[in-house]
PDB file of N, CA and C in Angstrom:
ATOM      1  N   MET A   1     120.026 111.223-112.680  1.00  0.00           N
ATOM      2  CA  MET A   1     120.684 109.970-113.430  1.00  0.00           C
ATOM      3  C   MET A   1     122.413 110.011-113.423  1.00  0.00           C
ATOM      4  N   GLU A   2     123.277 110.750-113.534  1.00  0.00           N
ATOM      5  CA  GLU A   2     124.550 110.993-112.774  1.00  0.00           C
ATOM      6  C   GLU A   2     124.777 109.903-111.503  1.00  0.00           C
ATOM      7  N   TYR A   3     123.791 110.514-110.559  1.00  0.00           N
ATOM      8  CA  TYR A   3     124.211 109.859-109.900  1.00  0.00           C
ATOM      9  C   TYR A   3     124.117 107.982-109.465  1.00  0.00           C
ATOM     10  N   CYS A   4     122.681 107.407-110.650  1.00  0.00           N
ATOM     11  CA  CYS A   4     122.937 105.907-110.926  1.00  0.00           C
ATOM     12  C   CYS A   4     124.489 105.714-111.300  1.00  0.00           C
ATOM     13  N   ARG A   5     124.877 106.086-112.705  1.00  0.00           N
ATOM     14  CA  ARG A   5     125.901 105.923-113.123  1.00  0.00           C
ATOM     15  C   ARG A   5     127.235 105.613-111.669  1.00  0.00           C
ATOM     16  N   ASP A   6     126.747 106.820-111.085  1.00  0.00           N
ATOM     17  CA  ASP A   6     128.435 106.684-110.107  1.00  0.00           C
ATOM     18  C   ASP A   6     128.481 105.477-109.375  1.00  0.00           C
ATOM     19  N   ARG A   7     127.159 104.871-109.140  1.00  0.00           N
ATOM     20  CA  ARG A   7     126.733 104.111-107.708  1.00  0.00           C
ATOM     21  C   ARG A   7     127.555 102.733-108.717  1.00  0.00           C
ATOM     22  N   PHE A   8     127.068 102.383-109.777  1.00  0.00           N
ATOM     23  CA  PHE A   8     127.258 101.373-110.817  1.00  0.00           C
ATOM     24  C   PHE A   8     129.182 101.276-110.925  1.00  0.00           C
ATOM     25  N   TRP A   9     129.595 102.330-111.051  1.00  0.00           N
ATOM     26  CA  TRP A   9     130.849 102.387-111.452  1.00  0.00           C
ATOM     27  C   TRP A   9     131.886 102.561-110.179  1.00  0.00           C
ATOM     28  N   GLY A  10     131.399 103.307-109.528  1.00  0.00           N
ATOM     29  CA  GLY A  10     132.252 103.363-108.366  1.00  0.00           C
ATOM     30  C   GLY A  10     132.652 101.738-107.089  1.00  0.00           C
ATOM     31  N   PRO A  11     131.448 101.080-107.032  1.00  0.00           N
ATOM     32  CA  PRO A  11     132.087  99.711-107.101  1.00  0.00           C
ATOM     33  C   PRO A  11     132.531  98.766-107.846  1.00  0.00           C
ATOM     34  N   LEU A  12     132.276  98.551-108.907  1.00  0.00           N
ATOM     35  CA  LEU A  12     133.266  97.887-109.802  1.00  0.00           C
ATOM     36  C   LEU A  12     134.294  98.673-110.047  1.00  0.00           C
ATOM     37  N   LEU A  13     134.604 100.065-110.273  1.00  0.00           N
ATOM     38  CA  LEU A  13     136.468 100.168-110.402  1.00  0.00           C
ATOM     39  C   LEU A  13     136.908  99.895-109.055  1.00  0.00           C
ATOM     40  N   PHE A  14     136.639  99.723-107.544  1.00  0.00           N
ATOM     41  CA  PHE A  14     136.776  99.154-106.634  1.00  0.00           C
ATOM     42  C   PHE A  14     137.560  97.589-106.505  1.00  0.00           C
ATOM     43  N   VAL A  15     136.699  96.324-107.030  1.00  0.00           N
ATOM     44  CA  VAL A  15     136.434  95.040-107.233  1.00  0.00           C
ATOM     45  C   VAL A  15     137.835  95.012-108.445  1.00  0.00           C
ATOM     46  N   ILE A  16     137.623  96.424-109.426  1.00  0.00           N
ATOM     47  CA  ILE A  16     139.270  95.430-110.265  1.00  0.00           C
ATOM     48  C   ILE A  16     140.572  96.556-109.868  1.00  0.00           C
ATOM     49  N   PHE A  17     140.646  97.404-108.871  1.00  0.00           N
ATOM     50  CA  PHE A  17     141.179  98.112-108.454  1.00  0.00           C
ATOM     51  C   PHE A  17     142.226  96.413-106.927  1.00  0.00           C
ATOM     52  N   ILE A  18     141.215  96.491-107.010  1.00  0.00           N
ATOM     53  CA  ILE A  18     141.671  95.467-105.745  1.00  0.00           C
ATOM     54  C   ILE A  18     142.068  93.909-106.339  1.00  0.00           C
ATOM     55  N   SER A  19     141.298  93.845-107.518  1.00  0.00           N
ATOM     56  CA  SER A  19     141.433  92.647-107.843  1.00  0.00           C
ATOM     57  C   SER A  19     142.746  91.481-107.953  1.00  0.00           C
ATOM     58  N   ASN A  20     144.273  92.664-108.184  1.00  0.00           N
ATOM     59  CA  ASN A  20     145.186  92.068-107.753  1.00  0.00           C
ATOM     60  C   ASN A  20     145.891  91.165-106.646  1.00  0.00           C
ATOM     61  N   LEU A  21     144.527  91.530-106.316  1.00  0.00           N
ATOM     62  CA  LEU A  21     145.670  91.363-103.944  1.00  0.00           C
ATOM     63  C   LEU A  21     145.476  89.739-104.004  1.00  0.00           C
ATOM     64  N   VAL A  22     144.150  89.155-104.976  1.00  0.00           N
ATOM     65  CA  VAL A  22     144.312  87.719-104.495  1.00  0.00           C
ATOM     66  C   VAL A  22     146.393  86.949-105.154  1.00  0.00           C
ATOM     67  N   ASP A  23     145.773  87.561-106.096  1.00  0.00           N
ATOM     68  CA  ASP A  23     147.449  87.195-106.474  1.00  0.00           C
ATOM     69  C   ASP A  23     148.367  87.047-105.624  1.00  0.00           C
ATOM     70  N   ILE A  24     148.844  87.930-104.292  1.00  0.00           N
ATOM     71  CA  ILE A  24     149.539  87.839-103.258  1.00  0.00           C
ATOM     72  C   ILE A  24     149.721  86.637-102.717  1.00  0.00           C
ATOM     73  N   CYS A  25     148.123  85.968-102.360  1.00  0.00           N
ATOM     74  CA  CYS A  25     147.838  85.352-101.276  1.00  0.00           C
ATOM     75  C   CYS A  25     148.263  83.669-101.879  1.00  0.00           C
ATOM     76  N   THR A  26     149.605  82.892-101.871  1.00  0.00           N
ATOM     77  CA  THR A  26     149.553  81.825-102.528  1.00  0.00           C
ATOM     78  C   THR A  26     150.168  81.015-100.724  1.00  0.00           C
ATOM     79  N   ASN A  27     150.668  79.842-101.626  1.00  0.00           N
ATOM     80  CA  ASN A  27     151.215  78.905-100.764  1.00  0.00           C
ATOM     81  C   ASN A  27     150.372  78.569 -99.153  1.00  0.00           C
ATOM     82  N   ASN A  28     148.962  78.278-100.174  1.00  0.00           N
ATOM     83  CA  ASN A  28     147.833  77.691 -99.073  1.00  0.00           C
ATOM     84  C   ASN A  28     147.755  79.485 -97.617  1.00  0.00           C
ATOM     85  N   ILE A  29     147.551  80.407 -98.655  1.00  0.00           N
ATOM     86  CA  ILE A  29     147.495  81.380 -97.711  1.00  0.00           C
ATOM     87  C   ILE A  29     145.800  81.463 -98.340  1.00  0.00           C
ATOM     88  N   LYS A  30     144.943  81.820 -97.617  1.00  0.00           N
ATOM     89  CA  LYS A  30     143.827  82.065 -98.482  1.00  0.00           C
ATOM     90  C   LYS A  30     143.337  83.353 -98.129  1.00  0.00           C
ATOM     91  N   LEU A  31     142.114  84.082 -98.912  1.00  0.00           N
ATOM     92  CA  LEU A  31     141.694  85.755 -98.906  1.00  0.00           C
ATOM     93  C   LEU A  31     140.773  85.739 -99.040  1.00  0.00           C
ATOM     94  N   VAL A  32     140.232  86.252 -98.445  1.00  0.00           N
ATOM     95  CA  VAL A  32     138.524  86.862 -98.345  1.00  0.00           C
ATOM     96  C   VAL A  32     137.969  88.093 -98.707  1.00  0.00           C
ATOM     97  N   LEU A  33     137.663  88.823 -99.652  1.00  0.00           N
ATOM     98  CA  LEU A  33     137.325  90.057 -99.811  1.00  0.00           C
ATOM     99  C   LEU A  33     136.137  90.447 -99.434  1.00  0.00           C
ATOM    100  N   PHE A  34     135.266  91.174 -98.829  1.00  0.00           N
ATOM    101  CA  PHE A  34     134.067  91.246 -98.638  1.00  0.00           C
ATOM    102  C   PHE A  34     134.098  92.902 -98.967  1.00  0.00           C
ATOM    103  N   ALA A  35     133.233  93.252 -99.513  1.00  0.00           N
ATOM    104  CA  ALA A  35     132.965  95.018 -99.647  1.00  0.00           C
ATOM    105  C   ALA A  35     134.831  95.730 -99.929  1.00  0.00           C
ATOM    106  N   ASP A  36     135.232  96.831 -98.480  1.00  0.00           N
ATOM    107  CA  ASP A  36     136.343  97.070 -98.019  1.00  0.00           C
ATOM    108  C   ASP A  36     137.218  96.609 -97.511  1.00  0.00           C
ATOM    109  N   ASP A  37     136.825  95.048 -96.797  1.00  0.00           N
ATOM    110  CA  ASP A  37     137.159  94.252 -96.106  1.00  0.00           C
ATOM    111  C   ASP A  37     138.229  93.052 -96.130  1.00  0.00           C
ATOM    112  N   ALA A  38     139.027  92.677 -96.617  1.00  0.00           N
ATOM    113  CA  ALA A  38     140.029  91.412 -96.046  1.00  0.00           C
ATOM    114  C   ALA A  38     140.466  90.894 -95.537  1.00  0.00           C
ATOM    115  N   LYS A  39     140.283  89.453 -95.455  1.00  0.00           N
ATOM    116  CA  LYS A  39     140.409  88.525 -94.271  1.00  0.00           C
ATOM    117  C   LYS A  39     141.736  87.638 -94.557  1.00  0.00           C
ATOM    118  N   MET A  40     142.790  87.625 -94.246  1.00  0.00           N
ATOM    119  CA  MET A  40     143.906  86.863 -94.923  1.00  0.00           C
ATOM    120  C   MET A  40     143.845  85.364 -93.366  1.00  0.00           C
ATOM    121  N   TYR A  41     144.165  84.031 -94.100  1.00  0.00           N
ATOM    122  CA  TYR A  41     144.282  82.691 -93.068  1.00  0.00           C
ATOM    123  C   TYR A  41     144.772  81.833 -93.062  1.00  0.00           C
ATOM    124  N   CYS A  42     145.137  80.881 -92.518  1.00  0.00           N
ATOM    125  CA  CYS A  42     146.023  80.248 -93.111  1.00  0.00           C
ATOM    126  C   CYS A  42     146.167  78.894 -91.694  1.00  0.00           C
ATOM    127  N   HIS A  43     146.541  77.413 -91.773  1.00  0.00           N
ATOM    128  CA  HIS A  43     146.248  76.699 -90.828  1.00  0.00           C
ATOM    129  C   HIS A  43     147.564  76.710 -91.082  1.00  0.00           C
ATOM    130  N   ILE A  44     147.947  76.995 -89.750  1.00  0.00           N
ATOM    131  CA  ILE A  44     149.370  76.108 -89.105  1.00  0.00           C
ATOM    132  C   ILE A  44     149.592  75.269 -88.711  1.00  0.00           C
ATOM    133  N   LYS A  45     150.403  74.604 -89.185  1.00  0.00           N
ATOM    134  CA  LYS A  45     150.868  73.802 -88.825  1.00  0.00           C
ATOM    135  C   LYS A  45     152.397  73.569 -88.652  1.00  0.00           C
ATOM    136  N   ASP A  46     153.522  74.057 -88.453  1.00  0.00           N
ATOM    137  CA  ASP A  46     154.644  73.993 -88.285  1.00  0.00           C
ATOM    138  C   ASP A  46     155.203  75.537 -88.359  1.00  0.00           C
ATOM    139  N   ILE A  47     156.799  75.800 -88.538  1.00  0.00           N
ATOM    140  CA  ILE A  47     157.243  77.160 -88.428  1.00  0.00           C
ATOM    141  C   ILE A  47     157.148  77.651 -89.985  1.00  0.00           C
ATOM    142  N   GLU A  48     157.457  76.789 -90.841  1.00  0.00           N
ATOM    143  CA  GLU A  48     157.143  77.327 -92.087  1.00  0.00           C
ATOM    144  C   GLU A  48     156.240  77.786 -92.258  1.00  0.00           C
ATOM    145  N   ASP A  49     154.889  76.949 -92.349  1.00  0.00           N
ATOM    146  CA  ASP A  49     153.964  78.340 -92.421  1.00  0.00           C
ATOM    147  C   ASP A  49     153.423  79.029 -91.451  1.00  0.00           C
ATOM    148  N   LYS A  50     154.218  79.193 -90.215  1.00  0.00           N
ATOM    149  CA  LYS A  50     153.489  80.910 -90.556  1.00  0.00           C
ATOM    150  C   LYS A  50     154.560  81.464 -90.962  1.00  0.00           C
ATOM    151  N   ASP A  51     156.055  81.269 -91.095  1.00  0.00           N
ATOM    152  CA  ASP A  51     156.740  82.023 -92.101  1.00  0.00           C
ATOM    153  C   ASP A  51     156.160  82.849 -93.581  1.00  0.00           C
ATOM    154  N   LYS A  52     154.995  81.170 -93.675  1.00  0.00           N
ATOM    155  CA  LYS A  52     154.577  81.817 -94.709  1.00  0.00           C
ATOM    156  C   LYS A  52     153.557  83.086 -95.093  1.00  0.00           C
ATOM    157  N   LEU A  53     152.753  82.128 -93.896  1.00  0.00           N
ATOM    158  CA  LEU A  53     151.841  83.695 -93.301  1.00  0.00           C
ATOM    159  C   LEU A  53     151.939  84.863 -93.426  1.00  0.00           C
ATOM    160  N   GLN A  54     153.356  85.010 -92.458  1.00  0.00           N
ATOM    161  CA  GLN A  54     154.218  86.199 -92.496  1.00  0.00           C
ATOM    162  C   GLN A  54     154.898  86.842 -93.817  1.00  0.00           C
ATOM    163  N   THR A  55     154.786  86.163 -95.344  1.00  0.00           N
ATOM    164  CA  THR A  55     155.294  86.596 -96.232  1.00  0.00           C
ATOM    165  C   THR A  55     153.863  87.417 -96.856  1.00  0.00           C
ATOM    166  N   GLY A  56     152.967  86.378 -96.867  1.00  0.00           N
ATOM    167  CA  GLY A  56     151.789  87.292 -97.238  1.00  0.00           C
ATOM    168  C   GLY A  56     151.038  88.807 -96.551  1.00  0.00           C
ATOM    169  N   ILE A  57     151.905  88.173 -95.347  1.00  0.00           N
ATOM    170  CA  ILE A  57     151.197  89.902 -94.967  1.00  0.00           C
ATOM    171  C   ILE A  57     151.983  90.743 -95.057  1.00  0.00           C
ATOM    172  N   ASP A  58     153.788  90.467 -95.502  1.00  0.00           N
ATOM    173  CA  ASP A  58     154.207  91.752 -95.756  1.00  0.00           C
ATOM    174  C   ASP A  58     154.341  91.808 -97.342  1.00  0.00           C
ATOM    175  N   LYS A  59     153.852  90.546 -98.410  1.00  0.00           N
ATOM    176  CA  LYS A  59     152.830  91.116 -99.786  1.00  0.00           C
ATOM    177  C   LYS A  59     152.325  92.501 -99.418  1.00  0.00           C
ATOM    178  N   PHE A  60     150.656  91.808 -98.572  1.00  0.00           N
ATOM    179  CA  PHE A  60     149.832  92.849 -98.578  1.00  0.00           C
ATOM    180  C   PHE A  60     150.289  94.119 -98.299  1.00  0.00           C
ATOM    181  N   VAL A  61     150.656  94.225 -97.414  1.00  0.00           N
ATOM    182  CA  VAL A  61     151.250  95.676 -96.744  1.00  0.00           C
ATOM    183  C   VAL A  61     152.346  96.104 -97.482  1.00  0.00           C
ATOM    184  N   ASN A  62     153.436  95.449 -98.704  1.00  0.00           N
ATOM    185  CA  ASN A  62     153.394  95.989 -99.708  1.00  0.00           C
ATOM    186  C   ASN A  62     152.321  96.533-100.664  1.00  0.00           C
ATOM    187  N   TRP A  63     151.485  95.592-101.170  1.00  0.00           N
ATOM    188  CA  TRP A  63     151.005  95.970-101.968  1.00  0.00           C
ATOM    189  C   TRP A  63     149.626  97.433-101.684  1.00  0.00           C
ATOM    190  N   THR A  64     149.851  97.339-100.257  1.00  0.00           N
ATOM    191  CA  THR A  64     148.657  99.359 -99.833  1.00  0.00           C
ATOM    192  C   THR A  64     149.719 100.038-100.250  1.00  0.00           C
ATOM    193  N   ASP A  65     150.813  99.781 -99.526  1.00  0.00           N
ATOM    194  CA  ASP A  65     151.994 101.046-100.029  1.00  0.00           C
ATOM    195  C   ASP A  65     152.765 101.475-100.951  1.00  0.00           C
ATOM    196  N   LYS A  66     152.278 100.394-102.018  1.00  0.00           N
ATOM    197  CA  LYS A  66     152.222 100.372-103.868  1.00  0.00           C
ATOM    198  C   LYS A  66     151.373 101.489-104.264  1.00  0.00           C
ATOM    199  N   LEU A  67     150.261 100.976-104.280  1.00  0.00           N
ATOM    200  CA  LEU A  67     148.836 101.937-104.619  1.00  0.00           C
ATOM    201  C   LEU A  67     148.364 102.788-103.802  1.00  0.00           C
ATOM    202  N   GLN A  68     149.546 102.887-102.568  1.00  0.00           N
ATOM    203  CA  GLN A  68     148.917 104.148-101.788  1.00  0.00           C
ATOM    204  C   GLN A  68     147.499 103.790-100.940  1.00  0.00           C
ATOM    205  N   VAL A  69     146.894 102.490-100.943  1.00  0.00           N
ATOM    206  CA  VAL A  69     146.049 102.326 -99.798  1.00  0.00           C
ATOM    207  C   VAL A  69     145.686 102.777 -98.511  1.00  0.00           C
ATOM    208  N   LYS A  70     145.245 103.193 -97.859  1.00  0.00           N
ATOM    209  CA  LYS A  70     145.557 103.455 -96.747  1.00  0.00           C
ATOM    210  C   LYS A  70     145.018 102.336 -95.937  1.00  0.00           C
ATOM    211  N   LEU A  71     145.894 100.939 -95.030  1.00  0.00           N
ATOM    212  CA  LEU A  71     145.439 100.326 -94.051  1.00  0.00           C
ATOM    213  C   LEU A  71     145.517 100.850 -92.641  1.00  0.00           C
ATOM    214  N   ASN A  72     144.014  99.967 -91.878  1.00  0.00           N
ATOM    215  CA  ASN A  72     143.408 100.933 -90.865  1.00  0.00           C
ATOM    216  C   ASN A  72     144.000 100.009 -90.394  1.00  0.00           C
ATOM    217  N   VAL A  73     145.356 100.153 -89.624  1.00  0.00           N
ATOM    218  CA  VAL A  73     146.010  99.197 -88.398  1.00  0.00           C
ATOM    219  C   VAL A  73     145.290  98.856 -86.993  1.00  0.00           C
ATOM    220  N   ASP A  74     144.175  99.685 -86.899  1.00  0.00           N
ATOM    221  CA  ASP A  74     143.477  99.415 -86.023  1.00  0.00           C
ATOM    222  C   ASP A  74     142.671  98.403 -85.959  1.00  0.00           C
ATOM    223  N   LYS A  75     142.059  97.916 -87.078  1.00  0.00           N
ATOM    224  CA  LYS A  75     141.113  97.133 -86.979  1.00  0.00           C
ATOM    225  C   LYS A  75     141.882  96.130 -87.460  1.00  0.00           C
ATOM    226  N   CYS A  76     142.848  96.109 -88.092  1.00  0.00           N
ATOM    227  CA  CYS A  76     143.913  95.143 -87.719  1.00  0.00           C
ATOM    228  C   CYS A  76     144.267  93.721 -86.821  1.00  0.00           C
ATOM    229  N   CYS A  77     143.713  92.762 -86.473  1.00  0.00           N
ATOM    230  CA  CYS A  77     144.197  91.674 -85.596  1.00  0.00           C
ATOM    231  C   CYS A  77     144.235  90.349 -86.204  1.00  0.00           C
ATOM    232  N   TYR A  78     144.335  89.333 -85.240  1.00  0.00           N
ATOM    233  CA  TYR A  78     144.532  88.165 -85.247  1.00  0.00           C
ATOM    234  C   TYR A  78     143.760  87.008 -84.782  1.00  0.00           C
ATOM    235  N   PHE A  79     143.775  86.190 -84.854  1.00  0.00           N
ATOM    236  CA  PHE A  79     142.955  85.420 -84.463  1.00  0.00           C
ATOM    237  C   PHE A  79     143.377  84.170 -84.173  1.00  0.00           C
ATOM    238  N   LEU A  80     143.760  83.168 -82.816  1.00  0.00           N
ATOM    239  CA  LEU A  80     144.605  81.853 -82.477  1.00  0.00           C
ATOM    240  C   LEU A  80     143.622  81.040 -82.041  1.00  0.00           C
ATOM    241  N   SER A  81     143.838  79.813 -83.118  1.00  0.00           N
ATOM    242  CA  SER A  81     142.800  78.710 -82.325  1.00  0.00           C
ATOM    243  C   SER A  81     143.251  77.655 -81.549  1.00  0.00           C
ATOM    244  N   LEU A  82     144.046  76.754 -80.679  1.00  0.00           N
ATOM    245  CA  LEU A  82     144.746  75.541 -80.641  1.00  0.00           C
ATOM    246  C   LEU A  82     143.302  74.800 -80.186  1.00  0.00           C
ATOM    247  N   PRO A  83     143.778  73.188 -80.306  1.00  0.00           N
ATOM    248  CA  PRO A  83     143.070  72.591 -80.069  1.00  0.00           C
ATOM    249  C   PRO A  83     143.163  71.990 -78.809  1.00  0.00           C
ATOM    250  N   LYS A  84     142.371  71.805 -77.896  1.00  0.00           N
ATOM    251  CA  LYS A  84     141.702  71.303 -76.450  1.00  0.00           C
ATOM    252  C   LYS A  84     142.654  70.427 -75.903  1.00  0.00           C
ATOM    253  N   VAL A  85     143.019  70.599 -74.931  1.00  0.00           N
ATOM    254  CA  VAL A  85     144.092  69.671 -74.861  1.00  0.00           C
ATOM    255  C   VAL A  85     143.546  69.619 -73.151  1.00  0.00           C
ATOM    256  N   THR A  86     143.566  67.504 -73.148  1.00  0.00           N
ATOM    257  CA  THR A  86     142.786  66.946 -72.085  1.00  0.00           C
ATOM    258  C   THR A  86     144.355  67.730 -71.064  1.00  0.00           C
ATOM    259  N   ALA A  87     143.435  67.877 -69.776  1.00  0.00           N
ATOM    260  CA  ALA A  87     144.633  67.803 -68.895  1.00  0.00           C
ATOM    261  C   ALA A  87     144.685  66.157 -68.596  1.00  0.00           C
ATOM    262  N   ILE A  88     145.698  66.235 -67.511  1.00  0.00           N
ATOM    263  CA  ILE A  88     146.316  64.402 -67.580  1.00  0.00           C
ATOM    264  C   ILE A  88     146.813  65.241 -65.934  1.00  0.00           C
ATOM    265  N   ALA A  89     145.934  64.139 -64.949  1.00  0.00           N
ATOM    266  CA  ALA A  89     146.725  64.678 -63.530  1.00  0.00           C
ATOM    267  C   ALA A  89     147.744  63.315 -63.294  1.00  0.00           C
ATOM    268  N   VAL A  90     148.899  64.088 -62.922  1.00  0.00           N
ATOM    269  CA  VAL A  90     149.599  63.694 -62.284  1.00  0.00           C
ATOM    270  C   VAL A  90     149.939  63.249 -60.639  1.00  0.00           C
ATOM    271  N   ASN A  91     150.414  62.871 -60.387  1.00  0.00           N
ATOM    272  CA  ASN A  91     149.912  62.656 -58.771  1.00  0.00           C
ATOM    273  C   ASN A  91     151.434  62.296 -57.741  1.00  0.00           C
ATOM    274  N   THR A  92     151.824  62.842 -57.301  1.00  0.00           N
ATOM    275  CA  THR A  92     152.894  62.810 -56.633  1.00  0.00           C
ATOM    276  C   THR A  92     153.487  62.878 -55.086  1.00  0.00           C
TER     277      THR A  92
END
């Protein structure tokens, strides 16, 4: 019976523990949480958006430091998606 109780409380307490993590995501920054993974993303149109994303990342790191949550840097990555550019032939 104790095993069942621990299986219930563990995930629930974890969700409560990370619930304020979504509060650090402002300025059009999206955060997706699944189990113990978090994905932060936004659409960057200009340098201000890049700075807002960096601020969000900095807040995330400060949150992990404050709550003594270890961030697995080896699993951290970024994804860059650019619009398809059509090549223009130039006659020389």
